[in-house]
Protein backbone atom coordinates (compact mmCIF):
# COMPACT_ATOMS: atom_id res chain seq x y z
CA MET A 1 76.91 -19.31 2.65
CA SER A 2 79.15 -20.77 5.17
CA ARG A 3 78.00 -21.53 8.64
CA LEU A 4 79.44 -21.07 12.04
CA VAL A 5 77.57 -24.24 12.69
CA GLY A 6 80.49 -25.94 14.21
CA LEU A 7 78.92 -24.73 17.30
CA VAL A 8 76.57 -27.05 17.78
CA ALA A 9 78.59 -26.97 19.15
CA ALA A 10 75.83 -26.54 17.65
CA GLY A 11 73.17 -30.17 18.49
CA LEU A 12 74.01 -27.81 16.63
CA LEU A 13 76.91 -30.73 17.67
CA LEU A 14 77.70 -31.11 21.41
CA ALA A 15 80.04 -31.62 24.61
CA ALA A 16 78.21 -33.04 27.56
CA CYS A 17 77.43 -29.92 29.56
CA SER A 18 75.59 -26.73 29.26
CA GLY A 19 75.14 -25.44 32.68
CA GLY A 20 71.95 -25.70 34.62
CA GLY A 21 69.83 -28.77 35.00
CA ARG A 22 68.69 -30.68 38.02
CA PRO A 23 71.07 -32.26 40.48
CA THR A 24 71.32 -36.01 40.20
CA PRO A 25 69.05 -37.53 42.83
CA ALA A 26 70.84 -39.34 45.61
CA ALA A 27 70.60 -43.10 45.67
CA PRO A 28 67.92 -44.30 48.10
CA THR A 29 69.09 -45.88 51.30
CA SER A 30 67.79 -49.22 52.54
CA ARG A 31 65.98 -49.46 55.89
CA PRO A 32 66.37 -52.19 58.50
CA PRO A 33 63.97 -55.03 57.66
CA THR A 34 60.90 -55.51 59.76
CA ALA A 35 59.13 -58.79 60.41
CA ALA A 36 56.83 -58.03 57.50
CA THR A 37 59.64 -57.27 55.08
CA ARG A 38 62.30 -59.72 56.20
CA PRO A 39 61.22 -62.54 53.83
CA SER A 40 61.85 -60.30 50.80
CA THR A 41 65.16 -58.84 51.98
CA THR A 42 66.90 -59.73 48.71
CA ALA A 43 64.28 -57.96 46.59
CA ALA A 44 64.29 -54.92 48.86
CA THR A 45 68.06 -54.65 48.62
CA ALA A 46 67.92 -54.88 44.85
CA THR A 47 65.48 -52.00 44.61
CA THR A 48 67.29 -49.73 47.05
CA ARG A 49 70.86 -50.31 45.87
CA ALA A 50 72.07 -47.66 43.41
CA PRO A 51 72.40 -49.19 39.94
CA VAL A 52 75.83 -49.28 38.37
CA GLY A 53 77.22 -48.97 34.84
CA PRO A 54 75.35 -47.81 31.74
CA ALA A 55 71.95 -48.34 33.39
CA THR A 56 72.77 -45.58 35.83
CA ALA A 57 73.73 -43.17 33.07
CA ALA A 58 70.73 -44.08 30.91
CA GLY A 59 68.34 -43.72 33.83
CA ARG A 60 69.77 -40.37 34.78
CA LEU A 61 69.58 -39.06 31.22
CA ALA A 62 66.03 -40.35 30.81
CA ASP A 63 65.02 -38.62 34.03
CA GLU A 64 66.69 -35.34 33.03
CA LEU A 65 65.17 -35.36 29.55
CA THR A 66 61.71 -36.28 30.80
CA SER A 67 61.75 -33.46 33.36
CA ALA A 68 63.15 -30.85 30.97
CA GLU A 69 61.05 -31.71 27.92
CA THR A 70 57.85 -31.92 29.97
CA ALA A 71 58.40 -28.63 31.77
CA ILE A 72 59.46 -26.72 28.65
CA ARG A 73 56.24 -27.75 26.92
CA ASP A 74 54.03 -26.89 29.90
CA PRO A 75 52.49 -23.39 29.56
CA ALA A 76 52.34 -23.21 33.35
CA THR A 77 56.14 -23.31 33.63
CA PRO A 78 57.40 -19.86 34.72
CA ALA A 79 59.60 -18.10 32.16
CA SER A 80 62.25 -17.72 34.87
CA ARG A 81 62.77 -21.50 34.86
CA LEU A 82 63.34 -21.83 31.12
CA PRO A 83 67.07 -20.94 31.09
CA VAL A 84 67.90 -23.75 33.53
CA LEU A 85 65.58 -26.17 31.76
CA GLY A 86 66.98 -25.40 28.32
CA ARG A 87 70.59 -25.73 29.43
CA GLY A 88 69.85 -28.92 31.29
CA GLN A 89 68.13 -30.28 28.19
CA GLN A 90 71.14 -29.38 26.06
CA ARG A 91 73.54 -30.95 28.53
CA ALA A 92 71.60 -34.20 28.51
CA TYR A 93 71.47 -34.37 24.71
CA ARG A 94 75.18 -33.61 24.46
CA SER A 95 75.89 -36.47 26.81
CA LEU A 96 73.59 -38.78 24.86
CA VAL A 97 75.26 -37.88 21.56
CA ARG A 98 78.63 -38.61 23.10
CA ARG A 99 77.41 -42.03 24.26
CA PRO A 100 75.02 -43.25 21.56
CA ARG A 101 74.95 -46.79 22.97
CA LEU A 102 72.70 -45.40 25.73
CA LEU A 103 70.00 -44.21 23.33
CA PRO A 104 67.97 -47.45 23.12
CA GLU A 105 67.76 -47.68 26.91
CA VAL A 106 66.97 -43.99 27.30
CA LEU A 107 64.17 -44.32 24.76
CA ARG A 108 62.79 -47.28 26.67
CA LEU A 109 62.78 -45.31 29.92
CA VAL A 110 61.24 -42.02 28.80
CA PRO A 111 57.43 -41.77 28.41
CA ALA A 112 56.18 -43.05 25.07
CA SER A 113 54.91 -39.55 24.18
CA LEU A 114 58.46 -38.17 24.41
CA ARG A 115 60.27 -40.91 22.48
CA PRO A 116 59.94 -39.23 19.06
CA THR A 117 61.26 -35.96 20.54
CA VAL A 118 64.25 -37.55 22.25
CA LYS A 119 65.08 -39.60 19.18
CA ALA A 120 64.86 -36.55 16.88
CA ASN A 121 67.04 -34.34 19.06
CA ALA A 122 69.62 -37.09 19.52
CA LEU A 123 69.67 -37.63 15.74
CA ALA A 124 70.18 -33.93 15.07
CA GLY A 125 73.02 -33.71 17.56
CA ALA A 126 74.72 -36.79 16.13
CA GLU A 127 74.48 -35.49 12.57
CA LEU A 128 75.95 -32.13 13.52
CA ARG A 129 78.72 -33.77 15.50
CA ARG A 130 79.76 -35.76 12.45
CA LEU A 131 79.51 -32.70 10.26
CA SER A 132 81.79 -30.42 12.26
CA ARG A 133 85.12 -30.70 13.97
CA PRO A 134 86.77 -28.08 16.16
CA ALA A 135 89.93 -26.42 14.90
CA SER A 136 93.10 -26.35 16.96
CA ARG A 137 92.55 -22.73 18.01
CA LEU A 138 89.55 -21.10 19.60
CA PRO A 139 87.52 -19.05 17.13
CA ARG A 140 87.66 -15.30 16.83
CA TRP A 141 84.03 -14.90 17.72
CA ARG A 142 82.18 -12.76 20.20
CA ILE A 143 79.44 -14.47 22.15
CA VAL A 144 76.56 -12.18 23.03
CA ALA A 145 73.10 -12.49 24.51
CA PRO A 146 70.50 -13.20 21.81
CA ALA A 147 67.55 -10.94 21.11
CA PRO A 148 64.47 -11.76 23.24
CA ALA A 149 62.73 -14.96 22.20
CA ALA A 150 59.47 -13.13 21.42
CA GLU A 151 61.33 -10.78 19.07
CA LEU A 152 62.98 -13.67 17.24
CA LEU A 153 59.72 -15.55 16.91
CA ALA A 154 58.12 -12.45 15.42
CA SER A 155 60.91 -12.24 12.82
CA TYR A 156 60.61 -15.91 11.87
CA ARG A 157 56.84 -15.72 11.58
CA ALA A 158 56.85 -12.50 9.57
CA ALA A 159 59.40 -13.83 7.07
CA GLY A 160 57.64 -17.18 6.85
CA ALA A 161 54.28 -15.55 6.16
CA LYS A 162 55.74 -13.20 3.56
CA LEU A 163 57.64 -15.88 1.62
CA GLY A 164 55.43 -18.90 2.25
CA VAL A 165 58.17 -20.76 4.13
CA PRO A 166 57.47 -22.63 7.40
CA TRP A 167 58.83 -20.31 10.07
CA GLN A 168 59.99 -23.27 12.15
CA TYR A 169 62.66 -24.02 9.54
CA LEU A 170 63.98 -20.46 9.79
CA ALA A 171 64.19 -20.86 13.57
CA ALA A 172 66.03 -24.17 13.23
CA ILE A 173 68.55 -22.71 10.76
CA HIS A 174 69.18 -19.81 13.13
CA LEU A 175 69.71 -22.26 15.98
CA VAL A 176 72.23 -24.32 14.05
CA GLU A 177 74.08 -21.45 12.39
CA THR A 178 74.69 -19.10 15.31
CA ARG A 179 72.75 -20.39 18.31
CA VAL A 180 69.94 -17.91 17.58
CA GLY A 181 72.39 -15.03 17.25
CA ARG A 182 74.80 -15.68 20.10
CA ILE A 183 77.77 -16.00 17.74
CA ARG A 184 79.12 -12.82 16.22
CA GLY A 185 81.94 -13.44 13.79
CA THR A 186 82.98 -14.55 10.34
CA SER A 187 83.38 -18.21 9.48
CA SER A 188 86.54 -19.64 7.94
CA ALA A 189 84.82 -19.47 4.54
CA GLY A 190 83.86 -15.82 4.99
CA ALA A 191 80.18 -16.20 5.94
CA ARG A 192 78.72 -13.62 8.28
CA GLY A 193 75.65 -12.56 10.12
CA PRO A 194 73.08 -14.39 12.22
CA MET A 195 72.10 -16.68 9.31
CA GLN A 196 75.66 -17.03 7.93
CA PHE A 197 75.62 -15.74 4.36
CA LEU A 198 78.59 -15.46 2.06
CA PRO A 199 78.80 -11.98 0.49
CA ALA A 200 77.93 -13.25 -3.00
CA THR A 201 74.88 -15.13 -1.73
CA TRP A 202 73.81 -12.12 0.29
CA ARG A 203 73.89 -9.94 -2.82
CA ARG A 204 71.48 -12.37 -4.44
CA TYR A 205 69.04 -12.85 -1.57
CA GLY A 206 69.65 -9.98 0.85
CA GLY A 207 67.19 -7.60 -0.76
CA GLY A 208 69.39 -4.61 -0.01
CA GLY A 209 69.22 -5.27 3.73
CA ASN A 210 71.88 -5.47 6.44
CA ILE A 211 73.61 -8.86 6.57
CA ASP A 212 74.15 -8.45 10.33
CA ALA A 213 70.53 -7.51 11.14
CA THR A 214 68.44 -10.45 12.31
CA GLY A 215 65.22 -9.44 10.56
CA ASP A 216 66.96 -8.84 7.23
CA ALA A 217 68.99 -12.06 7.49
CA VAL A 218 65.93 -14.19 8.32
CA LEU A 219 64.10 -12.70 5.33
CA ALA A 220 67.08 -13.50 3.10
CA ALA A 221 67.11 -17.08 4.35
CA ALA A 222 63.40 -17.35 3.55
CA ARG A 223 64.05 -16.02 0.03
CA LEU A 224 66.81 -18.58 -0.51
CA LEU A 225 64.63 -21.44 0.70
CA ARG A 226 61.68 -20.31 -1.42
CA ALA A 227 63.86 -19.99 -4.52
CA ASN A 228 65.08 -23.55 -4.05
CA GLY A 229 61.88 -25.47 -3.50
CA ALA A 230 60.28 -24.44 -0.21
CA PRO A 231 57.68 -25.03 1.00
CA ARG A 232 56.97 -27.93 -1.35
CA ASP A 233 60.43 -29.53 -1.15
CA LEU A 234 62.04 -28.44 2.09
CA ALA A 235 64.81 -31.03 1.91
CA ARG A 236 65.92 -29.64 -1.46
CA ALA A 237 65.72 -26.08 -0.15
CA LEU A 238 67.83 -26.91 2.90
CA HIS A 239 70.37 -28.69 0.74
CA ALA A 240 70.72 -25.48 -1.26
CA TYR A 241 71.36 -23.65 1.99
CA ASN A 242 74.06 -26.12 2.95
CA PRO A 243 74.83 -29.01 0.59
CA SER A 244 75.06 -31.67 3.27
CA HIS A 245 72.50 -34.39 3.91
CA ARG A 246 73.54 -34.39 7.57
CA TYR A 247 72.74 -30.68 7.79
CA VAL A 248 69.38 -31.26 6.14
CA ARG A 249 68.48 -34.03 8.60
CA ALA A 250 69.58 -32.01 11.63
CA VAL A 251 67.73 -28.82 10.71
CA THR A 252 64.64 -30.81 9.76
CA ALA A 253 64.66 -32.64 13.10
CA TYR A 254 64.77 -29.41 15.10
CA ALA A 255 62.22 -27.66 12.86
CA GLU A 256 59.73 -30.50 13.13
CA GLN A 257 59.98 -30.49 16.91
CA ILE A 258 59.07 -26.79 16.89
CA ARG A 259 56.30 -27.45 14.38
CA ALA A 260 54.86 -30.17 16.64
CA ASP A 261 54.95 -27.85 19.65
CA PRO A 262 56.12 -24.21 19.28
CA ARG A 263 57.17 -24.19 22.94
CA ALA A 264 60.05 -26.46 21.97
CA PHE A 265 61.76 -23.31 20.69
CA LEU A 266 61.83 -21.95 24.25
CA GLY A 267 64.19 -24.77 25.22
CA TYR A 268 66.43 -24.44 22.17
CA TYR A 269 66.57 -20.68 22.70
CA HIS A 270 68.63 -21.20 25.85
CA TRP A 271 71.17 -23.61 24.34
CA GLN A 272 74.72 -22.36 24.73
CA VAL A 273 77.74 -22.19 22.41
CA TYR A 274 80.39 -24.92 22.67
CA TYR A 275 83.61 -25.30 20.74
CA GLY A 276 84.77 -28.88 21.16
CA ASP A 277 84.90 -29.36 24.92
CA ILE A 278 84.95 -25.64 25.64
CA LEU A 279 81.93 -23.62 26.65
CA LEU A 280 82.06 -20.16 25.09
CA PRO A 281 79.93 -18.13 27.50
CA GLU A 282 78.28 -14.82 26.84
CA GLY A 283 81.08 -12.28 27.05
CA TYR A 284 83.63 -14.47 25.24
CA PRO A 285 86.44 -13.89 24.41
CA ALA A 286 87.44 -14.59 27.95
CA THR A 287 89.37 -12.13 30.06
CA PRO A 288 91.99 -13.04 32.70
CA ASP A 289 89.31 -12.99 35.39
CA ARG A 290 86.92 -15.09 33.28
CA PRO A 291 88.82 -18.13 32.01
CA LEU A 292 87.26 -20.67 29.69
CA LEU A 293 86.63 -24.02 31.28
CA PRO A 294 86.28 -27.40 29.59
CA SER A 295 82.89 -29.02 29.79
CA HIS A 296 82.51 -32.58 30.99
CA GLY A 297 82.41 -34.72 27.90
CA SER A 298 82.30 -33.78 24.28
CA ASP A 299 79.91 -33.52 21.43
CA ARG A 300 82.08 -31.59 19.08
CA ASP A 301 80.68 -28.13 18.72
CA ALA A 302 83.02 -26.47 16.37
CA GLU A 303 83.20 -24.49 13.18
CA PRO A 304 79.73 -24.87 11.71
CA PRO A 305 79.24 -26.53 8.36
CA LYS A 306 79.21 -24.14 5.47
CA GLY A 307 75.87 -22.48 4.90
CA PRO A 308 74.46 -20.79 1.79
CA ARG A 309 77.13 -20.43 -0.82
């Protein structure tokens, strides 16, 4: 198979924006010193002056990621907030992938409980960025709204239970390949469908189903993984899906986050499609009254790496 993974443009693979997210808090203003505070004027000024340079960026990213990751995992968070949270989360990770020197400071600033999550998502984005590069022309894809999250989760779980494959890995492949079904189109290598199968591979694992139907494609992906070592050797199975160690590490990172907390999928579900610096919104290709706009920054979402062959 060959993937449209360049999206991640995918973690997939990323440019530093995805719409949504919280506004950056304004820098606090200092107050006139009183008799009680006058002796520590220097200290007060230091704490109220807006920081400059990388510390500002790292602090902002740490704050955005802490807020988004915490809220996404909280069952009390209203479903109506998840689109903004997911897109803000994606934007922050895209920015972090673009500026990896900030990662150590961001990890220091986020709560200890979130450090493994932030590190894993940053790793996945970095691996996908190195794996894919945008072509000189925008792709001939259509970007559509994905099926409801509950429907997708039901497909992953059903296929996983039937084939003995961890459903979280099917979800992560779907995320990387087509942003959970947002991308409709054929890759440069001829792969198609939500899980990006080449015709020959589909004939082997498709089970007579429809390559463009999500349920059939997820089942085929589970068959391929099972035939190549899953669930015992998931790294080997993923390498059969796409013979790239970077791909294996990226998919594993996302899958393990979902395995640790299934609500992590509800953030990933809202991640958007980028192609280099260009956001491809739902409804792409653009029309004259809906131009494509560059995002701020770049994480290199482009043609996905080639999937099952």
